[in-house]
Amino acid sequence: MIPKISIIVPNYNDASKLSDCIQSLLDLNYPKDKVEIIIVDNGSTDNSMQIIKAFPVKLLTEKDVKGSYAARNLGVKNATGEVLAFTDSDCIVDKQWLCNSIKYLAGEDVGGVAGEILGGEPNTLVEEYQLLTKALDQSKYFSHPYYPFAVTANVIYKKSVFDKIGLFETHWISGGDVDFAWRMQIHGKMKLIYATDCSVYHHHRTSPTGLYLQSKRHIYGACLLNAKYDNKFQTINELNNKLILYGKMFRRNVEKVILFSAFFLLRTKRVYFLYLSRVSALGYFKGLIQYRKDKHELFHHCSNV
């Protein structure tokens, strides 16, 4: 029996890529009456809403909490499928994405399947840099020494997993997909499978600013995971060493130059890629600082309650 699948896609101000994403979902090689496409807008201020309404999909809006996991949770609550598939609004799915994934969910001890996240043809050097550094290479996540994990750009779970262990961490800005995968394995006692034939294509960040913000968010998520899982994601020494290293690399005046100067003087790809590695490192540094600041403020608030 072919299961009904609900595809859940969070969106925030991604109008430029949204149409291609939705069209790829509509073009999937899977029975149309067995597919439910749910787009959850998270308070977009661009023309995302008009774009979504032009397609035969279910539109939901998450206005109370800003964050992709809150949007995904709203999608989960409203989904009618036996299987829940997740991707992002800056992704294009392969036509066989759902057909190929279902076979891996046949085992009762399997809760989820994750596939490859491939980069599209790069139009900018920033995108080319991320392809070179294998950004979002899902295969490496399955060699993590604690438990394998998957990111929500390409992961498919049985609905029963959510019934058993609950939803994503609503207020996390990053790392919620790792947390969910680990909870499924630890508390749900179910396996996460990696499948090379379940692919999506991801539009990588196109600007240094986008790369910086992504790095900042990712390291913040790493800190949240460390706090919850006793430093199992990255050790405290690793994070502290990064903080010291990045602090030495970036002083206030250097930071301003990196973020706001036009880098037109750099003529070679190698030098520009070195610059992008510094931009990414700066994002990690600022994310670590932000997490420590937020943690201190929360502790101070709780101490005065």
Foldseek 3Di string as FASTA:
>chain_A
DDWAEEEEEEDAQPQVQQLQAVVLVVLAPDPPVRYAYEYEYEDHPDCNVVSVVVDPHHYHYDDPAHAPQLRVQVSLVPDDTQKYWFAYSQKHWDNCQVVVFVVVVPDPQAFKEWEAEAADDDPALLSVLCVVVVPQGQVVQCPQPPHRFHDRNGMMGGSVLCVQQNGFPNHQRDQSRVVSQVCCCPVVVHDYHYDHVNYMYGHDDHDLVSLLQVLLSHLLNLVVVCVVPVCSSHRPVVLVVLLVVLVVVDDPVNVCCLPPPDPVVDDDSVVVSVSSVNSSSNSNNVSVVVNVVVVVVVVVVVVVD
